[in-house]
Amino acid sequence: MTQILKNMSVPSEFWDYFEQILKIPRCSGNEKQIREYIKSKAEQFGFKTNEDSVGNLVVKIPTSITKPKKKVVLQCHLDMVCEKNEGISHDFSKDPINLKAIEIDGEKWVTAEGTTLGADNGVGIAYLLTLMKKIHNKELIFNNIAFDLLFTVDEESGLVGAFKINKNLIDGDILINLDSEDDDTFIIGCAGGIDTTAEIKDKNIFCNVKEINLIPMNLSIKGLIGGHSGVDIHKGRGNSLKLIAKILWEINKKFNIDIISMNGGNRRNAIPRESNAIIFIHKKNESEIINFVNQIKSEIISEISEVEPNLVIIINTISDQNFYKKLSTDIKNKLLNILYVIPNGPISYHPEDKTLVHTSTNLASIRMDENLIKIETSQRSLSEISKKDIYEKIEAIFKLSDLNFDVQHFAEYLRWTPDWNSPLLQKSKQIYINLFKEEPKILIVHAGLECGILKKHFPHLDMISIGPNIKEAHSPDERLKVNSIQRIWKFLIELLKKIV
């Protein structure tokens, strides 16, 4: 174990496994190595494994009696969001996550050096590996429970593993999901969601540059916090694509610029932190445009500096580079209009809980090359009707542009409807109160959880979602609170002991 993880809170096996997990590539769609690692550990302990056609893995831990009183599914996902700060040299396909310890308000946390940590959902994997080892070593004995430890794939890119799970893979009465991010909270419901993508594929997107008095400039936005497009969408954080669209729209209105390229954002379920555009301007307007951008920059900073203290907006002339193509004028103008007006953030709040986002949309990414413009967005709602309403409005905005957009909706998932009378919830609440002498929070979250999809496949399952304190998931500021690992472990083991 590295020096950083020594003397961390118990169980020590958790930190041993967590350290190993940090060394194994597991971006969404690249879970083979972590799956093989878990299989090897399970087989070493004498437990049978099985996987389905999409790569979901189950570890079967039988009970010593013929007919167990309970069949418990413990579930997490194998993949992680792979994000890094600009300028960080890190290859997620082979490089280990570089861990560091920090202290905030006297509390120990672990985070990573300029990349996502992968605590979402590496902590779930480490918990289940620890449970396997302790059951094998007979440090924990559950005579009346048969366990299915379920590891799903490709959760972060669209809950793919949960959608495509073989229904014969698991067998249970209850399911405990280990993908929540607050140790004093039980999640019992979540929003549904859908992704909406608009593409233009056309060889005539760009045209040749004829004006000789044009010079290229680079406009970049960075330093934003970013975060999860569900749980962080209401926090007023800057969206780099919305900010760069505002600046470009204003410059274009005043100076009639040309656009060479525009790119930003990486994932549909993350608030984009960085964006970049290369533009052509008339040489005579250079100093005036720089001053104008600085004026807009001051306005933006005055609005969001309390939330985004590290925002950086830079515009500068590019030297020694040749650009021969620019967006056609018609596409440029209509594209900027779309990006400027397209909604982003909370659309409505729950009528009975004004702190809970009901419906939202996230402008997630834009990619542009010689023959393609691709814009990705995601919509979430606690209501299927409201979800349909907002994704159809997003489609309508693209259609109103009169550009040749191909709009597609995909990766739709259903909301997880809360069961306030759940026996599992009632038992969990009582155990939590007995252990920690306080009431747990019971929440429905705006993020999408695999529970909603698994509930559709296995409607008889009684479900709850728990987890330790993880902050800023899906961003390089992701961090894991050390002492909350022990708190959730203690609760989980006590719940399993008293579940029958």
Protein backbone atom coordinates (compact mmCIF):
# COMPACT_ATOMS: atom_id res chain seq x y z
CA MET A 1 0.00 0.00 0.00
CA THR A 2 1.27 3.49 -0.82
CA GLN A 3 2.19 5.90 1.95
CA ILE A 4 -0.89 7.99 1.11
CA LEU A 5 -3.28 5.13 1.94
CA LYS A 6 -1.51 3.90 5.06
CA ASN A 7 -3.35 4.46 8.33
CA MET A 8 -6.61 5.16 6.53
CA SER A 9 -9.85 4.18 8.22
CA VAL A 10 -10.78 0.51 8.38
CA PRO A 11 -11.43 -1.80 6.66
CA SER A 12 -7.82 -1.83 5.47
CA GLU A 13 -8.74 -4.36 2.75
CA PHE A 14 -10.88 -1.69 1.12
CA TRP A 15 -7.88 0.58 0.63
CA ASP A 16 -5.73 -2.30 -0.62
CA TYR A 17 -8.30 -3.04 -3.30
CA PHE A 18 -8.98 0.61 -4.06
CA GLU A 19 -5.28 1.14 -4.73
CA GLN A 20 -5.23 -1.80 -7.15
CA ILE A 21 -8.34 -0.51 -8.92
CA LEU A 22 -6.62 2.83 -9.55
CA LYS A 23 -3.98 0.99 -11.59
CA ILE A 24 -6.46 -0.73 -13.91
CA PRO A 25 -7.90 1.02 -17.01
CA ARG A 26 -11.69 1.18 -16.87
CA CYS A 27 -13.05 3.99 -18.98
CA SER A 28 -16.55 3.25 -20.23
CA GLY A 29 -16.42 0.49 -22.82
CA ASN A 30 -12.95 -0.60 -21.67
CA GLU A 31 -13.82 -2.72 -18.62
CA LYS A 32 -12.18 -6.01 -19.65
CA GLN A 33 -9.13 -5.70 -17.39
CA ILE A 34 -11.07 -4.74 -14.27
CA ARG A 35 -13.61 -7.51 -14.95
CA GLU A 36 -10.81 -10.08 -15.27
CA TYR A 37 -9.23 -8.80 -12.06
CA ILE A 38 -12.50 -9.28 -10.13
CA LYS A 39 -13.03 -12.73 -11.67
CA SER A 40 -9.54 -13.81 -10.65
CA LYS A 41 -10.13 -12.69 -7.06
CA ALA A 42 -13.51 -14.41 -6.90
CA GLU A 43 -12.12 -17.66 -8.26
CA GLN A 44 -9.19 -17.41 -5.84
CA PHE A 45 -11.76 -17.31 -3.03
CA GLY A 46 -13.66 -20.27 -4.51
CA PHE A 47 -16.71 -18.31 -5.71
CA LYS A 48 -18.35 -18.98 -9.06
CA THR A 49 -18.64 -16.21 -11.63
CA ASN A 50 -20.77 -15.69 -14.68
CA GLU A 51 -21.06 -12.94 -17.27
CA ASP A 52 -23.57 -12.07 -19.94
CA SER A 53 -23.08 -11.09 -23.57
CA VAL A 54 -22.46 -7.39 -22.85
CA GLY A 55 -19.89 -8.04 -20.10
CA ASN A 56 -21.91 -7.68 -16.91
CA LEU A 57 -20.31 -9.89 -14.26
CA VAL A 58 -21.87 -11.66 -11.28
CA VAL A 59 -20.05 -13.34 -8.42
CA LYS A 60 -22.15 -16.00 -6.69
CA ILE A 61 -21.64 -16.42 -2.95
CA PRO A 62 -23.85 -19.27 -1.75
CA THR A 63 -25.16 -19.85 1.75
CA SER A 64 -24.39 -22.93 3.82
CA ILE A 65 -28.08 -23.86 4.09
CA THR A 66 -30.20 -25.41 1.35
CA LYS A 67 -32.78 -22.64 1.12
CA PRO A 68 -31.56 -19.17 2.15
CA LYS A 69 -34.01 -16.85 3.84
CA LYS A 70 -32.87 -13.95 1.66
CA LYS A 71 -31.19 -13.55 -1.72
CA VAL A 72 -29.33 -10.26 -1.78
CA VAL A 73 -27.94 -8.51 -4.85
CA LEU A 74 -25.15 -6.02 -4.14
CA GLN A 75 -24.48 -3.92 -7.22
CA CYS A 76 -21.98 -1.40 -8.59
CA HIS A 77 -20.63 -0.47 -12.02
CA LEU A 78 -17.17 -1.21 -13.39
CA ASP A 79 -16.49 1.87 -15.50
CA MET A 80 -15.48 5.42 -14.63
CA VAL A 81 -15.68 8.83 -16.25
CA CYS A 82 -12.25 9.61 -17.73
CA GLU A 83 -11.73 13.38 -17.57
CA LYS A 84 -8.52 15.36 -17.20
CA ASN A 85 -7.55 18.99 -17.00
CA GLU A 86 -6.04 20.73 -20.00
CA GLY A 87 -2.27 20.29 -20.02
CA ILE A 88 -2.33 17.07 -17.98
CA SER A 89 -0.46 14.24 -19.70
CA HIS A 90 -2.40 11.11 -18.84
CA ASP A 91 -3.39 8.11 -20.96
CA PHE A 92 -6.41 6.49 -19.30
CA SER A 93 -5.89 3.33 -21.38
CA LYS A 94 -2.66 2.51 -19.56
CA ASP A 95 -1.62 5.07 -16.94
CA PRO A 96 -2.57 4.53 -13.27
CA ILE A 97 -4.53 7.23 -11.48
CA ASN A 98 -2.10 9.39 -9.50
CA LEU A 99 -3.50 9.62 -6.00
CA LYS A 100 -2.99 12.39 -3.48
CA ALA A 101 -4.33 13.13 0.00
CA ILE A 102 -5.81 16.50 0.91
CA GLU A 103 -7.39 18.02 3.99
CA ILE A 104 -10.53 20.17 3.95
CA ASP A 105 -11.88 21.68 7.18
CA GLY A 106 -9.87 19.17 9.20
CA GLU A 107 -11.20 16.15 7.27
CA LYS A 108 -9.07 13.79 5.17
CA TRP A 109 -9.97 13.26 1.53
CA VAL A 110 -8.27 11.49 -1.37
CA THR A 111 -8.29 12.88 -4.90
CA ALA A 112 -6.26 12.55 -8.11
CA GLU A 113 -3.60 14.66 -9.81
CA GLY A 114 -5.48 16.51 -12.55
CA THR A 115 -7.83 13.65 -13.50
CA THR A 116 -11.02 12.05 -12.30
CA LEU A 117 -10.40 9.73 -9.35
CA GLY A 118 -12.86 7.00 -10.33
CA ALA A 119 -14.30 6.73 -6.82
CA ASP A 120 -17.52 6.73 -8.83
CA ASN A 121 -17.89 3.70 -8.76
CA GLY A 122 -14.50 2.32 -7.73
CA VAL A 123 -15.65 2.44 -4.12
CA GLY A 124 -18.43 -0.03 -4.95
CA ILE A 125 -15.94 -2.42 -6.52
CA ALA A 126 -13.61 -2.15 -3.51
CA TYR A 127 -16.47 -2.75 -1.05
CA LEU A 128 -17.54 -5.93 -2.83
CA LEU A 129 -13.99 -7.25 -3.13
CA THR A 130 -13.56 -6.62 0.60
CA LEU A 131 -16.81 -8.46 1.34
CA MET A 132 -15.68 -11.42 -0.78
CA LYS A 133 -12.40 -11.68 1.06
CA LYS A 134 -13.93 -11.41 4.52
CA ILE A 135 -16.59 -14.03 3.76
CA HIS A 136 -13.92 -16.35 2.35
CA ASN A 137 -11.76 -15.86 5.46
CA LYS A 138 -14.83 -16.44 7.65
CA GLU A 139 -14.41 -13.03 9.24
CA LEU A 140 -17.99 -12.43 8.15
CA ILE A 141 -20.62 -15.19 8.19
CA PHE A 142 -24.11 -14.82 6.72
CA ASN A 143 -25.67 -18.26 7.00
CA ASN A 144 -29.13 -17.18 5.88
CA ILE A 145 -28.14 -15.05 2.86
CA ALA A 146 -27.09 -16.01 -0.66
CA PHE A 147 -25.31 -13.15 -2.44
CA ASP A 148 -25.14 -12.12 -6.06
CA LEU A 149 -22.44 -9.47 -6.44
CA LEU A 150 -23.33 -7.68 -9.67
CA PHE A 151 -20.79 -5.58 -11.59
CA THR A 152 -22.34 -3.78 -14.56
CA VAL A 153 -20.58 -2.27 -17.55
CA ASP A 154 -20.73 1.03 -19.41
CA GLU A 155 -22.88 2.84 -16.88
CA GLU A 156 -21.37 6.26 -17.42
CA SER A 157 -21.98 6.42 -21.17
CA GLY A 158 -25.65 5.48 -21.00
CA LEU A 159 -26.40 2.76 -18.41
CA VAL A 160 -25.70 0.21 -21.14
CA GLY A 161 -25.00 -2.78 -18.90
CA ALA A 162 -28.21 -2.32 -16.94
CA PHE A 163 -30.23 -1.91 -20.13
CA LYS A 164 -28.86 -5.06 -21.75
CA ILE A 165 -28.50 -7.31 -18.71
CA ASN A 166 -29.41 -10.96 -19.14
CA LYS A 167 -32.39 -11.48 -16.83
CA ASN A 168 -31.05 -14.88 -15.80
CA LEU A 169 -27.78 -13.39 -14.56
CA ILE A 170 -28.98 -12.55 -11.04
CA ASP A 171 -31.54 -13.87 -8.57
CA GLY A 172 -32.55 -11.83 -5.54
CA ASP A 173 -35.19 -10.50 -3.20
CA ILE A 174 -33.52 -7.16 -2.52
CA LEU A 175 -30.88 -5.03 -4.25
CA ILE A 176 -28.44 -2.66 -2.58
CA ASN A 177 -26.81 -0.30 -5.06
CA LEU A 178 -23.43 1.13 -3.99
CA ASP A 179 -23.33 4.13 -6.33
CA SER A 180 -24.58 7.00 -4.15
CA GLU A 181 -22.39 9.85 -2.94
CA ASP A 182 -23.49 10.92 0.55
CA ASP A 183 -22.98 8.73 3.61
CA ASP A 184 -25.98 10.15 5.49
CA THR A 185 -28.43 9.58 2.65
CA PHE A 186 -30.52 6.75 1.24
CA ILE A 187 -31.55 7.13 -2.39
CA ILE A 188 -34.93 5.56 -3.20
CA GLY A 189 -35.75 7.16 -6.56
CA CYS A 190 -34.19 8.97 -9.49
CA ALA A 191 -34.93 10.90 -12.65
CA GLY A 192 -35.31 9.35 -16.07
CA GLY A 193 -33.24 10.63 -18.94
CA ILE A 194 -32.48 10.67 -22.64
CA ASP A 195 -29.68 11.90 -24.89
CA THR A 196 -30.35 14.12 -27.90
CA THR A 197 -27.70 14.49 -30.60
CA ALA A 198 -27.77 16.71 -33.67
CA GLU A 199 -25.38 16.16 -36.59
CA ILE A 200 -24.66 17.84 -39.89
CA LYS A 201 -22.63 15.72 -42.29
CA ASP A 202 -21.98 17.66 -45.47
CA LYS A 203 -18.93 18.37 -47.60
CA ASN A 204 -20.20 21.96 -47.94
CA ILE A 205 -20.02 22.85 -44.25
CA PHE A 206 -16.79 24.73 -44.86
CA CYS A 207 -15.78 27.04 -47.71
CA ASN A 208 -12.44 28.38 -48.90
CA VAL A 209 -11.02 31.59 -47.48
CA LYS A 210 -10.73 34.34 -50.08
CA GLU A 211 -10.28 37.48 -48.00
CA ILE A 212 -6.52 38.18 -47.62
CA ASN A 213 -6.79 40.60 -44.70
CA LEU A 214 -8.06 38.00 -42.25
CA ILE A 215 -6.02 36.83 -39.26
CA PRO A 216 -6.77 33.82 -37.05
CA MET A 217 -7.43 34.17 -33.32
CA ASN A 218 -7.94 31.61 -30.59
CA LEU A 219 -10.70 31.93 -27.99
CA SER A 220 -10.57 29.52 -25.08
CA ILE A 221 -12.56 28.96 -21.90
CA LYS A 222 -11.13 26.87 -19.06
CA GLY A 223 -10.92 26.63 -15.27
CA LEU A 224 -14.60 25.84 -14.76
CA ILE A 225 -15.64 23.32 -12.11
CA GLY A 226 -17.84 21.18 -14.37
CA GLY A 227 -19.41 18.23 -12.61
CA HIS A 228 -22.28 15.79 -13.00
CA SER A 229 -25.07 16.98 -15.30
CA GLY A 230 -27.65 15.52 -12.90
CA VAL A 231 -26.64 16.14 -9.31
CA ASP A 232 -24.72 19.38 -10.03
CA ILE A 233 -26.99 20.93 -12.67
CA HIS A 234 -28.68 23.31 -10.20
CA LYS A 235 -25.51 24.73 -8.65
CA GLY A 236 -25.11 27.65 -11.06
CA ARG A 237 -21.85 26.40 -12.52
CA GLY A 238 -20.63 27.74 -15.82
CA ASN A 239 -21.10 25.71 -18.99
CA SER A 240 -18.08 26.41 -21.21
CA LEU A 241 -20.10 25.88 -24.40
CA LYS A 242 -22.78 28.35 -23.37
CA LEU A 243 -20.12 30.90 -22.41
CA ILE A 244 -18.13 30.57 -25.62
CA ALA A 245 -21.35 30.69 -27.67
CA LYS A 246 -22.34 33.95 -25.96
CA ILE A 247 -18.96 35.53 -26.66
CA LEU A 248 -18.86 34.38 -30.30
CA TRP A 249 -22.46 35.51 -30.88
CA GLU A 250 -21.69 38.97 -29.51
CA ILE A 251 -18.45 39.33 -31.51
CA ASN A 252 -20.14 38.12 -34.68
CA LYS A 253 -23.01 40.56 -34.25
CA LYS A 254 -20.63 43.51 -33.92
CA PHE A 255 -17.73 42.52 -36.21
CA ASN A 256 -19.02 39.75 -38.52
CA ILE A 257 -16.27 37.23 -37.77
CA ASP A 258 -15.66 33.84 -39.40
CA ILE A 259 -15.33 30.53 -37.54
CA ILE A 260 -12.63 27.99 -38.37
CA SER A 261 -13.44 25.50 -35.60
CA MET A 262 -15.29 25.13 -32.32
CA ASN A 263 -14.90 22.23 -29.88
CA GLY A 264 -15.73 21.62 -26.24
CA GLY A 265 -17.05 19.14 -23.71
CA ASN A 266 -16.41 15.41 -23.63
CA ARG A 267 -19.40 13.57 -22.17
CA ARG A 268 -23.16 13.91 -22.26
CA ASN A 269 -23.43 13.40 -18.48
CA ALA A 270 -20.82 16.02 -17.57
CA ILE A 271 -21.10 19.81 -17.50
CA PRO A 272 -18.43 20.97 -20.00
CA ARG A 273 -15.47 22.66 -18.33
CA GLU A 274 -13.35 23.69 -21.32
CA SER A 275 -14.11 24.91 -24.84
CA ASN A 276 -12.09 26.37 -27.67
CA ALA A 277 -12.79 28.22 -30.92
CA ILE A 278 -10.54 29.45 -33.70
CA ILE A 279 -11.92 32.41 -35.61
CA PHE A 280 -10.97 34.73 -38.47
CA ILE A 281 -11.15 38.49 -37.93
CA HIS A 282 -10.21 41.47 -40.04
CA LYS A 283 -6.76 42.65 -39.04
CA LYS A 284 -7.97 46.22 -38.56
CA ASN A 285 -10.37 45.04 -35.83
CA GLU A 286 -7.86 43.07 -33.75
CA SER A 287 -7.38 45.44 -30.81
CA GLU A 288 -11.04 46.44 -30.79
CA ILE A 289 -12.16 42.81 -30.67
CA ILE A 290 -9.75 42.00 -27.84
CA ASN A 291 -11.13 44.94 -25.85
CA PHE A 292 -14.70 43.88 -26.63
CA VAL A 293 -14.06 40.31 -25.46
CA ASN A 294 -12.49 41.63 -22.26
CA GLN A 295 -15.63 43.68 -21.67
CA ILE A 296 -17.84 40.59 -22.11
CA LYS A 297 -15.43 38.64 -19.92
CA SER A 298 -15.88 41.18 -17.11
CA GLU A 299 -19.66 40.86 -17.38
CA ILE A 300 -19.49 37.06 -17.22
CA ILE A 301 -17.09 37.05 -14.28
CA SER A 302 -19.24 39.51 -12.34
CA GLU A 303 -22.17 37.11 -12.71
CA ILE A 304 -20.55 33.76 -11.84
CA SER A 305 -17.27 34.50 -10.05
CA GLU A 306 -18.63 33.40 -6.68
CA VAL A 307 -19.41 29.97 -8.12
CA GLU A 308 -16.56 29.86 -10.64
CA PRO A 309 -13.55 31.65 -9.08
CA ASN A 310 -11.04 29.99 -11.43
CA LEU A 311 -12.72 30.82 -14.75
CA VAL A 312 -10.22 31.79 -17.45
CA ILE A 313 -11.22 33.40 -20.77
CA ILE A 314 -8.38 34.02 -23.22
CA ILE A 315 -8.35 35.48 -26.73
CA ASN A 316 -5.12 35.88 -28.63
CA THR A 317 -3.77 36.02 -32.17
CA ILE A 318 -2.39 32.82 -33.67
CA SER A 319 0.91 33.16 -35.47
CA ASP A 320 2.66 30.86 -37.92
CA GLN A 321 -0.43 28.77 -38.70
CA ASN A 322 -2.23 28.52 -42.02
CA PHE A 323 -5.98 28.07 -42.18
CA TYR A 324 -7.70 27.80 -45.55
CA LYS A 325 -11.27 26.86 -44.57
CA LYS A 326 -14.02 28.55 -42.61
CA LEU A 327 -17.67 27.77 -41.84
CA SER A 328 -20.02 29.02 -44.51
CA THR A 329 -21.71 32.26 -43.46
CA ASP A 330 -25.18 30.71 -43.35
CA ILE A 331 -24.09 27.81 -41.15
CA LYS A 332 -22.01 30.05 -38.91
CA ASN A 333 -24.85 32.45 -38.17
CA LYS A 334 -27.48 29.78 -37.62
CA LEU A 335 -25.16 27.62 -35.49
CA LEU A 336 -24.32 30.54 -33.21
CA ASN A 337 -28.02 31.37 -32.85
CA ILE A 338 -28.76 27.76 -31.80
CA LEU A 339 -25.94 27.57 -29.27
CA TYR A 340 -26.83 30.97 -27.81
CA VAL A 341 -30.53 30.26 -27.25
CA ILE A 342 -30.58 26.52 -26.54
CA PRO A 343 -31.64 26.01 -22.90
CA ASN A 344 -29.19 24.66 -20.36
CA GLY A 345 -29.63 23.87 -16.68
CA PRO A 346 -32.78 23.38 -14.58
CA ILE A 347 -36.03 23.81 -16.48
CA SER A 348 -38.32 23.30 -13.48
CA TYR A 349 -38.24 22.29 -9.80
CA HIS A 350 -40.41 19.73 -8.05
CA PRO A 351 -43.72 21.30 -7.00
CA GLU A 352 -43.53 19.79 -3.49
CA ASP A 353 -39.77 20.16 -2.93
CA LYS A 354 -38.34 23.39 -4.31
CA THR A 355 -34.77 22.16 -3.74
CA LEU A 356 -35.22 19.17 -6.07
CA VAL A 357 -34.70 19.70 -9.79
CA HIS A 358 -37.64 18.22 -11.66
CA THR A 359 -36.53 18.67 -15.29
CA SER A 360 -33.22 19.79 -16.80
CA THR A 361 -31.15 19.81 -19.96
CA ASN A 362 -27.38 19.92 -20.48
CA LEU A 363 -25.55 21.25 -23.55
CA ALA A 364 -22.75 18.72 -23.26
CA SER A 365 -20.39 18.84 -26.24
CA ILE A 366 -19.70 20.06 -29.74
CA ARG A 367 -17.28 18.51 -32.22
CA MET A 368 -16.41 19.98 -35.58
CA ASP A 369 -14.26 18.75 -38.43
CA GLU A 370 -14.16 19.25 -42.21
CA ASN A 371 -17.40 17.40 -42.95
CA LEU A 372 -19.15 17.17 -39.59
CA ILE A 373 -20.74 19.26 -36.86
CA LYS A 374 -21.96 17.18 -33.91
CA ILE A 375 -23.76 18.61 -30.88
CA GLU A 376 -24.60 16.40 -27.88
CA THR A 377 -27.15 17.21 -25.19
CA SER A 378 -28.88 15.29 -22.41
CA GLN A 379 -32.29 15.73 -20.75
CA ARG A 380 -33.51 14.47 -17.37
CA SER A 381 -36.84 14.57 -15.55
CA LEU A 382 -38.76 12.99 -12.70
CA SER A 383 -41.74 12.86 -15.05
CA GLU A 384 -41.85 10.92 -18.31
CA ILE A 385 -44.20 13.55 -19.77
CA SER A 386 -41.85 16.42 -18.87
CA LYS A 387 -38.86 14.49 -20.20
CA LYS A 388 -40.61 14.06 -23.55
CA ASP A 389 -41.59 17.71 -23.55
CA ILE A 390 -38.03 19.00 -23.08
CA TYR A 391 -36.30 16.65 -25.52
CA GLU A 392 -38.90 17.48 -28.20
CA LYS A 393 -38.26 21.20 -27.61
CA ILE A 394 -34.53 20.65 -28.01
CA GLU A 395 -35.23 18.88 -31.30
CA ALA A 396 -37.50 21.75 -32.39
CA ILE A 397 -34.75 24.30 -31.78
CA PHE A 398 -32.41 22.41 -34.10
CA LYS A 399 -35.18 22.13 -36.70
CA LEU A 400 -35.99 25.85 -36.50
CA SER A 401 -32.46 26.67 -37.60
CA ASP A 402 -33.30 25.36 -41.08
CA LEU A 403 -29.93 23.62 -41.16
CA ASN A 404 -29.62 20.06 -42.36
CA PHE A 405 -29.46 18.60 -38.84
CA ASP A 406 -30.09 14.90 -38.30
CA VAL A 407 -31.55 14.79 -34.76
CA GLN A 408 -31.50 11.50 -32.86
CA HIS A 409 -32.78 10.54 -29.40
CA PHE A 410 -31.16 7.55 -27.72
CA ALA A 411 -30.01 5.95 -24.45
CA GLU A 412 -33.39 6.64 -22.87
CA TYR A 413 -33.88 5.32 -19.36
CA LEU A 414 -36.89 5.34 -17.07
CA ARG A 415 -37.20 7.07 -13.73
CA TRP A 416 -36.97 4.99 -10.56
CA THR A 417 -40.28 5.52 -8.77
CA PRO A 418 -39.80 5.68 -4.99
CA ASP A 419 -41.45 3.16 -2.68
CA TRP A 420 -41.89 4.96 0.64
CA ASN A 421 -43.27 1.78 2.23
CA SER A 422 -40.31 -0.39 1.23
CA PRO A 423 -39.45 -2.94 3.97
CA LEU A 424 -35.77 -2.52 3.06
CA LEU A 425 -36.03 1.24 3.54
CA GLN A 426 -37.77 0.90 6.90
CA LYS A 427 -35.15 -1.56 8.18
CA SER A 428 -32.30 0.59 6.84
CA LYS A 429 -33.64 3.68 8.59
CA GLN A 430 -33.88 1.90 11.94
CA ILE A 431 -30.39 0.42 11.68
CA TYR A 432 -28.92 3.80 10.70
CA ILE A 433 -30.58 5.52 13.67
CA ASN A 434 -29.35 2.82 16.06
CA LEU A 435 -25.79 3.09 14.74
CA PHE A 436 -25.36 6.84 14.35
CA LYS A 437 -28.05 8.32 16.63
CA GLU A 438 -29.50 10.46 13.85
CA GLU A 439 -32.07 10.18 11.08
CA PRO A 440 -30.80 9.48 7.56
CA LYS A 441 -31.88 11.67 4.67
CA ILE A 442 -34.24 9.96 2.24
CA LEU A 443 -33.86 11.38 -1.26
CA ILE A 444 -35.00 11.17 -4.83
CA VAL A 445 -32.14 12.41 -7.02
CA HIS A 446 -32.05 14.15 -10.36
CA ALA A 447 -29.23 11.92 -11.56
CA GLY A 448 -29.93 8.65 -13.36
CA LEU A 449 -29.20 5.46 -11.45
CA GLU A 450 -29.12 1.90 -12.74
CA CYS A 451 -31.80 1.07 -10.17
CA GLY A 452 -34.50 2.50 -12.42
CA ILE A 453 -33.59 0.17 -15.27
CA LEU A 454 -32.96 -2.84 -13.05
CA LYS A 455 -36.35 -2.26 -11.41
CA LYS A 456 -37.95 -2.54 -14.83
CA HIS A 457 -36.14 -5.84 -15.50
CA PHE A 458 -36.69 -7.18 -11.97
CA PRO A 459 -39.87 -5.49 -10.64
CA HIS A 460 -40.00 -7.70 -7.53
CA LEU A 461 -36.70 -6.39 -6.17
CA ASP A 462 -36.82 -4.12 -3.12
CA MET A 463 -34.08 -1.52 -3.70
CA ILE A 464 -32.02 1.15 -2.02
CA SER A 465 -28.85 3.03 -3.01
CA ILE A 466 -26.08 4.02 -0.57
CA GLY A 467 -22.48 5.18 -0.72
CA PRO A 468 -19.69 7.22 0.94
CA ASN A 469 -19.10 10.93 0.47
CA ILE A 470 -17.87 11.68 -3.05
CA LYS A 471 -17.72 15.27 -4.27
CA GLU A 472 -17.32 16.70 -7.79
CA ALA A 473 -17.78 13.33 -9.53
CA HIS A 474 -17.19 13.37 -13.31
CA SER A 475 -14.59 16.14 -12.98
CA PRO A 476 -10.85 16.25 -12.14
CA ASP A 477 -11.83 17.74 -8.77
CA GLU A 478 -13.49 14.45 -7.75
CA ARG A 479 -12.63 13.54 -4.18
CA LEU A 480 -13.51 10.83 -1.65
CA LYS A 481 -13.93 11.47 2.08
CA VAL A 482 -11.83 8.94 3.98
CA ASN A 483 -13.84 8.41 7.17
CA SER A 484 -17.10 7.95 5.25
CA ILE A 485 -15.73 4.66 3.87
CA GLN A 486 -15.80 3.14 7.34
CA ARG A 487 -19.24 4.65 8.07
CA ILE A 488 -20.89 3.04 5.02
CA TRP A 489 -19.08 -0.26 5.59
CA LYS A 490 -20.30 -0.38 9.18
CA PHE A 491 -23.86 0.35 8.09
CA LEU A 492 -23.80 -2.16 5.23
CA ILE A 493 -22.55 -5.04 7.37
CA GLU A 494 -25.08 -4.31 10.12
CA LEU A 495 -27.87 -4.20 7.54
CA LEU A 496 -26.81 -7.53 6.05
CA LYS A 497 -26.66 -9.11 9.50
CA LYS A 498 -30.21 -8.03 10.29
CA ILE A 499 -31.80 -8.28 6.89
CA VAL A 500 -33.38 -11.69 7.59
